Amino acid sequence: MLPIYVSIIVLPLTSGFSGAALLTFASFASAMAVMMLLTSLLVGLAKASLIMRLQVSTVWVKRVSGLVLIAAGLDLGYYYIAAGM
């Protein structure tokens, strides 16, 4: 995020017109504020339904996560055997 921010702010400063840099900074800051506000609002609104859905699907989440862990363990075991460790 920092390289994007720096490139957005430094590029107008090199043009020699400081008003462009101020306008660019204000537009970038307002866009980030709107994105954070929308994200917070959507998370707040979806919280109740998301919690209910996760509580219903807890059994499946546990089973799928167990299968993923087993697959990762088998893959690591295969890697170690294939590498001769």
PDB file of N, CA and C in Angstrom:
ATOM      1  N   MET A   1       0.816  -1.188   0.000  1.00  0.00           N
ATOM      2  CA  MET A   1       0.000   0.000   0.000  1.00  0.00           C
ATOM      3  C   MET A   1       0.867   1.262   0.000  1.00  0.00           C
ATOM      4  N   LEU A   2       1.965   1.238   0.713  1.00  0.00           N
ATOM      5  CA  LEU A   2       2.822   2.412   0.786  1.00  0.00           C
ATOM      6  C   LEU A   2       3.412   2.809  -0.565  1.00  0.00           C
ATOM      7  N   PRO A   3       3.885   1.864  -1.393  1.00  0.00           N
ATOM      8  CA  PRO A   3       4.412   2.295  -2.702  1.00  0.00           C
ATOM      9  C   PRO A   3       3.346   2.963  -3.568  1.00  0.00           C
ATOM     10  N   ILE A   4       2.119   2.479  -3.502  1.00  0.00           N
ATOM     11  CA  ILE A   4       1.043   3.104  -4.277  1.00  0.00           C
ATOM     12  C   ILE A   4       0.794   4.514  -3.769  1.00  0.00           C
ATOM     13  N   TYR A   5       0.738   4.658  -2.462  1.00  0.00           N
ATOM     14  CA  TYR A   5       0.508   5.969  -1.856  1.00  0.00           C
ATOM     15  C   TYR A   5       1.619   6.943  -2.224  1.00  0.00           C
ATOM     16  N   VAL A   6       2.838   6.503  -2.112  1.00  0.00           N
ATOM     17  CA  VAL A   6       3.974   7.379  -2.412  1.00  0.00           C
ATOM     18  C   VAL A   6       3.973   7.771  -3.884  1.00  0.00           C
ATOM     19  N   SER A   7       3.693   6.832  -4.767  1.00  0.00           N
ATOM     20  CA  SER A   7       3.692   7.169  -6.191  1.00  0.00           C
ATOM     21  C   SER A   7       2.552   8.123  -6.533  1.00  0.00           C
ATOM     22  N   ILE A   8       1.417   7.977  -5.872  1.00  0.00           N
ATOM     23  CA  ILE A   8       0.300   8.882  -6.136  1.00  0.00           C
ATOM     24  C   ILE A   8       0.605  10.286  -5.646  1.00  0.00           C
ATOM     25  N   ILE A   9       1.299  10.416  -4.549  1.00  0.00           N
ATOM     26  CA  ILE A   9       1.588  11.735  -3.982  1.00  0.00           C
ATOM     27  C   ILE A   9       2.824  12.372  -4.617  1.00  0.00           C
ATOM     28  N   VAL A  10       3.862  11.606  -4.893  1.00  0.00           N
ATOM     29  CA  VAL A  10       5.117  12.178  -5.394  1.00  0.00           C
ATOM     30  C   VAL A  10       5.007  12.606  -6.855  1.00  0.00           C
ATOM     31  N   LEU A  11       4.269  11.879  -7.653  1.00  0.00           N
ATOM     32  CA  LEU A  11       4.172  12.210  -9.076  1.00  0.00           C
ATOM     33  C   LEU A  11       3.636  13.626  -9.305  1.00  0.00           C
ATOM     34  N   PRO A  12       2.535  14.043  -8.673  1.00  0.00           N
ATOM     35  CA  PRO A  12       2.094  15.436  -8.877  1.00  0.00           C
ATOM     36  C   PRO A  12       3.074  16.465  -8.310  1.00  0.00           C
ATOM     37  N   LEU A  13       3.819  16.110  -7.271  1.00  0.00           N
ATOM     38  CA  LEU A  13       4.788  17.058  -6.722  1.00  0.00           C
ATOM     39  C   LEU A  13       5.911  17.337  -7.706  1.00  0.00           C
ATOM     40  N   THR A  14       6.248  16.377  -8.540  1.00  0.00           N
ATOM     41  CA  THR A  14       7.321  16.581  -9.514  1.00  0.00           C
ATOM     42  C   THR A  14       6.880  17.454 -10.674  1.00  0.00           C
ATOM     43  N   SER A  15       5.565  17.631 -10.830  1.00  0.00           N
ATOM     44  CA  SER A  15       5.085  18.472 -11.925  1.00  0.00           C
ATOM     45  C   SER A  15       5.307  19.947 -11.643  1.00  0.00           C
ATOM     46  N   GLY A  16       5.549  20.302 -10.381  1.00  0.00           N
ATOM     47  CA  GLY A  16       5.805  21.692 -10.047  1.00  0.00           C
ATOM     48  C   GLY A  16       4.562  22.442  -9.600  1.00  0.00           C
ATOM     49  N   PHE A  17       3.397  21.874  -9.763  1.00  0.00           N
ATOM     50  CA  PHE A  17       2.154  22.521  -9.360  1.00  0.00           C
ATOM     51  C   PHE A  17       1.667  21.870  -8.067  1.00  0.00           C
ATOM     52  N   SER A  18       1.802  22.556  -6.945  1.00  0.00           N
ATOM     53  CA  SER A  18       1.468  21.957  -5.648  1.00  0.00           C
ATOM     54  C   SER A  18      -0.027  21.765  -5.469  1.00  0.00           C
ATOM     55  N   GLY A  19      -0.829  22.512  -6.223  1.00  0.00           N
ATOM     56  CA  GLY A  19      -2.284  22.329  -6.150  1.00  0.00           C
ATOM     57  C   GLY A  19      -2.699  20.944  -6.638  1.00  0.00           C
ATOM     58  N   ALA A  20      -2.000  20.422  -7.635  1.00  0.00           N
ATOM     59  CA  ALA A  20      -2.297  19.085  -8.153  1.00  0.00           C
ATOM     60  C   ALA A  20      -1.991  18.031  -7.095  1.00  0.00           C
ATOM     61  N   ALA A  21      -0.892  18.237  -6.367  1.00  0.00           N
ATOM     62  CA  ALA A  21      -0.546  17.285  -5.319  1.00  0.00           C
ATOM     63  C   ALA A  21      -1.582  17.308  -4.206  1.00  0.00           C
ATOM     64  N   LEU A  22      -2.050  18.484  -3.832  1.00  0.00           N
ATOM     65  CA  LEU A  22      -3.062  18.598  -2.789  1.00  0.00           C
ATOM     66  C   LEU A  22      -4.379  17.975  -3.243  1.00  0.00           C
ATOM     67  N   LEU A  23      -4.757  18.222  -4.478  1.00  0.00           N
ATOM     68  CA  LEU A  23      -5.989  17.637  -5.013  1.00  0.00           C
ATOM     69  C   LEU A  23      -5.878  16.117  -5.095  1.00  0.00           C
ATOM     70  N   THR A  24      -4.733  15.637  -5.512  1.00  0.00           N
ATOM     71  CA  THR A  24      -4.516  14.191  -5.592  1.00  0.00           C
ATOM     72  C   THR A  24      -4.580  13.558  -4.211  1.00  0.00           C
ATOM     73  N   PHE A  25      -3.941  14.189  -3.234  1.00  0.00           N
ATOM     74  CA  PHE A  25      -3.974  13.667  -1.873  1.00  0.00           C
ATOM     75  C   PHE A  25      -5.392  13.664  -1.316  1.00  0.00           C
ATOM     76  N   ALA A  26      -6.129  14.730  -1.546  1.00  0.00           N
ATOM     77  CA  ALA A  26      -7.509  14.804  -1.039  1.00  0.00           C
ATOM     78  C   ALA A  26      -8.389  13.746  -1.686  1.00  0.00           C
ATOM     79  N   SER A  27      -8.237  13.531  -2.977  1.00  0.00           N
ATOM     80  CA  SER A  27      -9.061  12.523  -3.644  1.00  0.00           C
ATOM     81  C   SER A  27      -8.686  11.114  -3.186  1.00  0.00           C
ATOM     82  N   PHE A  28      -7.401  10.860  -3.000  1.00  0.00           N
ATOM     83  CA  PHE A  28      -6.963   9.553  -2.519  1.00  0.00           C
ATOM     84  C   PHE A  28      -7.472   9.309  -1.098  1.00  0.00           C
ATOM     85  N   ALA A  29      -7.357  10.316  -0.242  1.00  0.00           N
ATOM     86  CA  ALA A  29      -7.808  10.170   1.142  1.00  0.00           C
ATOM     87  C   ALA A  29      -9.313   9.963   1.216  1.00  0.00           C
ATOM     88  N   SER A  30     -10.066  10.692   0.412  1.00  0.00           N
ATOM     89  CA  SER A  30     -11.521  10.524   0.448  1.00  0.00           C
ATOM     90  C   SER A  30     -11.934   9.164  -0.114  1.00  0.00           C
ATOM     91  N   ALA A  31     -11.245   8.690  -1.145  1.00  0.00           N
ATOM     92  CA  ALA A  31     -11.567   7.367  -1.686  1.00  0.00           C
ATOM     93  C   ALA A  31     -11.284   6.273  -0.662  1.00  0.00           C
ATOM     94  N   MET A  32     -10.165   6.374   0.045  1.00  0.00           N
ATOM     95  CA  MET A  32      -9.856   5.383   1.081  1.00  0.00           C
ATOM     96  C   MET A  32     -10.859   5.457   2.221  1.00  0.00           C
ATOM     97  N   ALA A  33     -11.288   6.659   2.583  1.00  0.00           N
ATOM     98  CA  ALA A  33     -12.271   6.805   3.654  1.00  0.00           C
ATOM     99  C   ALA A  33     -13.607   6.191   3.257  1.00  0.00           C
ATOM    100  N   VAL A  34     -14.025   6.401   2.024  1.00  0.00           N
ATOM    101  CA  VAL A  34     -15.285   5.820   1.552  1.00  0.00           C
ATOM    102  C   VAL A  34     -15.195   4.301   1.526  1.00  0.00           C
ATOM    103  N   MET A  35     -14.068   3.770   1.082  1.00  0.00           N
ATOM    104  CA  MET A  35     -13.903   2.312   1.046  1.00  0.00           C
ATOM    105  C   MET A  35     -13.944   1.715   2.456  1.00  0.00           C
ATOM    106  N   MET A  36     -13.278   2.345   3.405  1.00  0.00           N
ATOM    107  CA  MET A  36     -13.292   1.847   4.781  1.00  0.00           C
ATOM    108  C   MET A  36     -14.693   1.953   5.383  1.00  0.00           C
ATOM    109  N   LEU A  37     -15.393   3.047   5.094  1.00  0.00           N
ATOM    110  CA  LEU A  37     -16.739   3.220   5.608  1.00  0.00           C
ATOM    111  C   LEU A  37     -17.681   2.163   5.050  1.00  0.00           C
ATOM    112  N   LEU A  38     -17.610   1.918   3.752  1.00  0.00           N
ATOM    113  CA  LEU A  38     -18.463   0.893   3.147  1.00  0.00           C
ATOM    114  C   LEU A  38     -18.140  -0.502   3.671  1.00  0.00           C
ATOM    115  N   THR A  39     -16.858  -0.797   3.828  1.00  0.00           N
ATOM    116  CA  THR A  39     -16.471  -2.096   4.359  1.00  0.00           C
ATOM    117  C   THR A  39     -16.997  -2.288   5.775  1.00  0.00           C
ATOM    118  N   SER A  40     -16.857  -1.283   6.615  1.00  0.00           N
ATOM    119  CA  SER A  40     -17.348  -1.375   7.989  1.00  0.00           C
ATOM    120  C   SER A  40     -18.858  -1.527   8.024  1.00  0.00           C
ATOM    121  N   LEU A  41     -19.544  -0.784   7.175  1.00  0.00           N
ATOM    122  CA  LEU A  41     -21.000  -0.860   7.123  1.00  0.00           C
ATOM    123  C   LEU A  41     -21.463  -2.235   6.662  1.00  0.00           C
ATOM    124  N   LEU A  42     -20.850  -2.763   5.621  1.00  0.00           N
ATOM    125  CA  LEU A  42     -21.248  -4.080   5.115  1.00  0.00           C
ATOM    126  C   LEU A  42     -20.944  -5.188   6.113  1.00  0.00           C
ATOM    127  N   VAL A  43     -19.823  -5.108   6.790  1.00  0.00           N
ATOM    128  CA  VAL A  43     -19.491  -6.113   7.803  1.00  0.00           C
ATOM    129  C   VAL A  43     -20.482  -6.046   8.954  1.00  0.00           C
ATOM    130  N   GLY A  44     -20.830  -4.845   9.360  1.00  0.00           N
ATOM    131  CA  GLY A  44     -21.807  -4.689  10.436  1.00  0.00           C
ATOM    132  C   GLY A  44     -23.179  -5.225  10.072  1.00  0.00           C
ATOM    133  N   LEU A  45     -23.607  -4.999   8.839  1.00  0.00           N
ATOM    134  CA  LEU A  45     -24.911  -5.477   8.410  1.00  0.00           C
ATOM    135  C   LEU A  45     -24.930  -6.986   8.191  1.00  0.00           C
ATOM    136  N   ALA A  46     -23.838  -7.533   7.734  1.00  0.00           N
ATOM    137  CA  ALA A  46     -23.794  -8.964   7.426  1.00  0.00           C
ATOM    138  C   ALA A  46     -23.426  -9.814   8.631  1.00  0.00           C
ATOM    139  N   LYS A  47     -23.106  -9.185   9.744  1.00  0.00           N
ATOM    140  CA  LYS A  47     -22.597  -9.927  10.897  1.00  0.00           C
ATOM    141  C   LYS A  47     -23.585 -10.964  11.408  1.00  0.00           C
ATOM    142  N   ALA A  48     -24.834 -10.589  11.586  1.00  0.00           N
ATOM    143  CA  ALA A  48     -25.826 -11.509  12.154  1.00  0.00           C
ATOM    144  C   ALA A  48     -26.071 -12.705  11.242  1.00  0.00           C
ATOM    145  N   SER A  49     -26.279 -12.455   9.958  1.00  0.00           N
ATOM    146  CA  SER A  49     -26.542 -13.579   9.054  1.00  0.00           C
ATOM    147  C   SER A  49     -25.300 -14.435   8.861  1.00  0.00           C
ATOM    148  N   LEU A  50     -24.133 -13.806   8.858  1.00  0.00           N
ATOM    149  CA  LEU A  50     -22.897 -14.569   8.705  1.00  0.00           C
ATOM    150  C   LEU A  50     -22.661 -15.476   9.905  1.00  0.00           C
ATOM    151  N   ILE A  51     -22.900 -14.970  11.098  1.00  0.00           N
ATOM    152  CA  ILE A  51     -22.723 -15.785  12.296  1.00  0.00           C
ATOM    153  C   ILE A  51     -23.691 -16.950  12.290  1.00  0.00           C
ATOM    154  N   MET A  52     -24.931 -16.714  11.882  1.00  0.00           N
ATOM    155  CA  MET A  52     -25.920 -17.796  11.844  1.00  0.00           C
ATOM    156  C   MET A  52     -25.513 -18.868  10.836  1.00  0.00           C
ATOM    157  N   ARG A  53     -25.042 -18.454   9.672  1.00  0.00           N
ATOM    158  CA  ARG A  53     -24.623 -19.418   8.652  1.00  0.00           C
ATOM    159  C   ARG A  53     -23.401 -20.207   9.103  1.00  0.00           C
ATOM    160  N   LEU A  54     -22.465 -19.542   9.759  1.00  0.00           N
ATOM    161  CA  LEU A  54     -21.274 -20.243  10.233  1.00  0.00           C
ATOM    162  C   LEU A  54     -21.611 -21.232  11.342  1.00  0.00           C
ATOM    163  N   GLN A  55     -22.564 -20.891  12.212  1.00  0.00           N
ATOM    164  CA  GLN A  55     -22.953 -21.816  13.265  1.00  0.00           C
ATOM    165  C   GLN A  55     -23.618 -23.053  12.681  1.00  0.00           C
ATOM    166  N   VAL A  56     -24.407 -22.886  11.632  1.00  0.00           N
ATOM    167  CA  VAL A  56     -25.069 -24.025  10.996  1.00  0.00           C
ATOM    168  C   VAL A  56     -24.049 -24.915  10.290  1.00  0.00           C
ATOM    169  N   SER A  57     -23.041 -24.308   9.676  1.00  0.00           N
ATOM    170  CA  SER A  57     -22.090 -25.086   8.882  1.00  0.00           C
ATOM    171  C   SER A  57     -20.810 -25.432   9.643  1.00  0.00           C
ATOM    172  N   THR A  58     -20.819 -25.378  10.952  1.00  0.00           N
ATOM    173  CA  THR A  58     -19.625 -25.661  11.735  1.00  0.00           C
ATOM    174  C   THR A  58     -19.113 -27.079  11.506  1.00  0.00           C
ATOM    175  N   VAL A  59     -20.024 -28.034  11.420  1.00  0.00           N
ATOM    176  CA  VAL A  59     -19.623 -29.433  11.224  1.00  0.00           C
ATOM    177  C   VAL A  59     -18.870 -29.579   9.900  1.00  0.00           C
ATOM    178  N   TRP A  60     -19.398 -28.974   8.842  1.00  0.00           N
ATOM    179  CA  TRP A  60     -18.753 -29.097   7.533  1.00  0.00           C
ATOM    180  C   TRP A  60     -17.422 -28.353   7.493  1.00  0.00           C
ATOM    181  N   VAL A  61     -17.352 -27.230   8.168  1.00  0.00           N
ATOM    182  CA  VAL A  61     -16.096 -26.480   8.200  1.00  0.00           C
ATOM    183  C   VAL A  61     -15.011 -27.302   8.892  1.00  0.00           C
ATOM    184  N   LYS A  62     -15.359 -27.975   9.976  1.00  0.00           N
ATOM    185  CA  LYS A  62     -14.389 -28.810  10.686  1.00  0.00           C
ATOM    186  C   LYS A  62     -13.922 -29.967   9.810  1.00  0.00           C
ATOM    187  N   ARG A  63     -14.849 -30.588   9.111  1.00  0.00           N
ATOM    188  CA  ARG A  63     -14.482 -31.721   8.254  1.00  0.00           C
ATOM    189  C   ARG A  63     -13.592 -31.292   7.099  1.00  0.00           C
ATOM    190  N   VAL A  64     -13.947 -30.195   6.464  1.00  0.00           N
ATOM    191  CA  VAL A  64     -13.164 -29.712   5.321  1.00  0.00           C
ATOM    192  C   VAL A  64     -11.779 -29.265   5.783  1.00  0.00           C
ATOM    193  N   SER A  65     -11.709 -28.576   6.917  1.00  0.00           N
ATOM    194  CA  SER A  65     -10.393 -28.143   7.403  1.00  0.00           C
ATOM    195  C   SER A  65      -9.538 -29.344   7.793  1.00  0.00           C
ATOM    196  N   GLY A  66     -10.148 -30.389   8.319  1.00  0.00           N
ATOM    197  CA  GLY A  66      -9.407 -31.606   8.617  1.00  0.00           C
ATOM    198  C   GLY A  66      -8.858 -32.256   7.354  1.00  0.00           C
ATOM    199  N   LEU A  67      -9.670 -32.294   6.304  1.00  0.00           N
ATOM    200  CA  LEU A  67      -9.198 -32.858   5.036  1.00  0.00           C
ATOM    201  C   LEU A  67      -8.065 -32.030   4.434  1.00  0.00           C
ATOM    202  N   VAL A  68      -8.157 -30.715   4.563  1.00  0.00           N
ATOM    203  CA  VAL A  68      -7.094 -29.854   4.047  1.00  0.00           C
ATOM    204  C   VAL A  68      -5.797 -30.106   4.811  1.00  0.00           C
ATOM    205  N   LEU A  69      -5.882 -30.240   6.129  1.00  0.00           N
ATOM    206  CA  LEU A  69      -4.691 -30.513   6.923  1.00  0.00           C
ATOM    207  C   LEU A  69      -4.091 -31.876   6.594  1.00  0.00           C
ATOM    208  N   ILE A  70      -4.934 -32.873   6.383  1.00  0.00           N
ATOM    209  CA  ILE A  70      -4.447 -34.198   6.004  1.00  0.00           C
ATOM    210  C   ILE A  70      -3.741 -34.135   4.641  1.00  0.00           C
ATOM    211  N   ALA A  71      -4.364 -33.419   3.685  1.00  0.00           N
ATOM    212  CA  ALA A  71      -3.759 -33.289   2.355  1.00  0.00           C
ATOM    213  C   ALA A  71      -2.423 -32.551   2.441  1.00  0.00           C
ATOM    214  N   ALA A  72      -2.344 -31.522   3.267  1.00  0.00           N
ATOM    215  CA  ALA A  72      -1.079 -30.793   3.417  1.00  0.00           C
ATOM    216  C   ALA A  72      -0.012 -31.681   4.039  1.00  0.00           C
ATOM    217  N   GLY A  73      -0.389 -32.488   5.021  1.00  0.00           N
ATOM    218  CA  GLY A  73       0.560 -33.409   5.638  1.00  0.00           C
ATOM    219  C   GLY A  73       1.059 -34.458   4.667  1.00  0.00           C
ATOM    220  N   LEU A  74       0.145 -35.008   3.858  1.00  0.00           N
ATOM    221  CA  LEU A  74       0.554 -35.989   2.852  1.00  0.00           C
ATOM    222  C   LEU A  74       1.471 -35.367   1.806  1.00  0.00           C
ATOM    223  N   ASP A  75       1.183 -34.134   1.427  1.00  0.00           N
ATOM    224  CA  ASP A  75       2.026 -33.445   0.453  1.00  0.00           C
ATOM    225  C   ASP A  75       3.422 -33.194   1.019  1.00  0.00           C
ATOM    226  N   LEU A  76       3.505 -32.786   2.272  1.00  0.00           N
ATOM    227  CA  LEU A  76       4.817 -32.580   2.891  1.00  0.00           C
ATOM    228  C   LEU A  76       5.574 -33.889   3.027  1.00  0.00           C
ATOM    229  N   GLY A  77       4.856 -34.949   3.396  1.00  0.00           N
ATOM    230  CA  GLY A  77       5.498 -36.254   3.489  1.00  0.00           C
ATOM    231  C   GLY A  77       6.035 -36.713   2.154  1.00  0.00           C
ATOM    232  N   TYR A  78       5.241 -36.537   1.106  1.00  0.00           N
ATOM    233  CA  TYR A  78       5.700 -36.899  -0.238  1.00  0.00           C
ATOM    234  C   TYR A  78       6.924 -36.081  -0.638  1.00  0.00           C
ATOM    235  N   TYR A  79       6.909 -34.781  -0.315  1.00  0.00           N
ATOM    236  CA  TYR A  79       8.040 -33.912  -0.643  1.00  0.00           C
ATOM    237  C   TYR A  79       9.309 -34.397   0.054  1.00  0.00           C
ATOM    238  N   TYR A  80       9.223 -34.715   1.342  1.00  0.00           N
ATOM    239  CA  TYR A  80      10.389 -35.171   2.075  1.00  0.00           C
ATOM    240  C   TYR A  80      10.895 -36.503   1.553  1.00  0.00           C
ATOM    241  N   ILE A  81       9.980 -37.407   1.200  1.00  0.00           N
ATOM    242  CA  ILE A  81      10.408 -38.700   0.669  1.00  0.00           C
ATOM    243  C   ILE A  81      11.044 -38.519  -0.712  1.00  0.00           C
ATOM    244  N   ALA A  82      10.434 -37.672  -1.550  1.00  0.00           N
ATOM    245  CA  ALA A  82      10.960 -37.440  -2.893  1.00  0.00           C
ATOM    246  C   ALA A  82      12.294 -36.708  -2.845  1.00  0.00           C
ATOM    247  N   ALA A  83      12.478 -35.849  -1.869  1.00  0.00           N
ATOM    248  CA  ALA A  83      13.741 -35.110  -1.759  1.00  0.00           C
ATOM    249  C   ALA A  83      14.818 -35.943  -1.102  1.00  0.00           C
ATOM    250  N   GLY A  84      14.470 -37.096  -0.537  1.00  0.00           N
ATOM    251  CA  GLY A  84      15.446 -37.974   0.083  1.00  0.00           C
ATOM    252  C   GLY A  84      15.866 -37.533   1.470  1.00  0.00           C
ATOM    253  N   MET A  85      14.982 -36.895   2.168  1.00  0.00           N
ATOM    254  CA  MET A  85      15.333 -36.411   3.515  1.00  0.00           C
ATOM    255  C   MET A  85      14.987 -37.449   4.550  1.00  0.00           C
TER     256      MET A  85
END
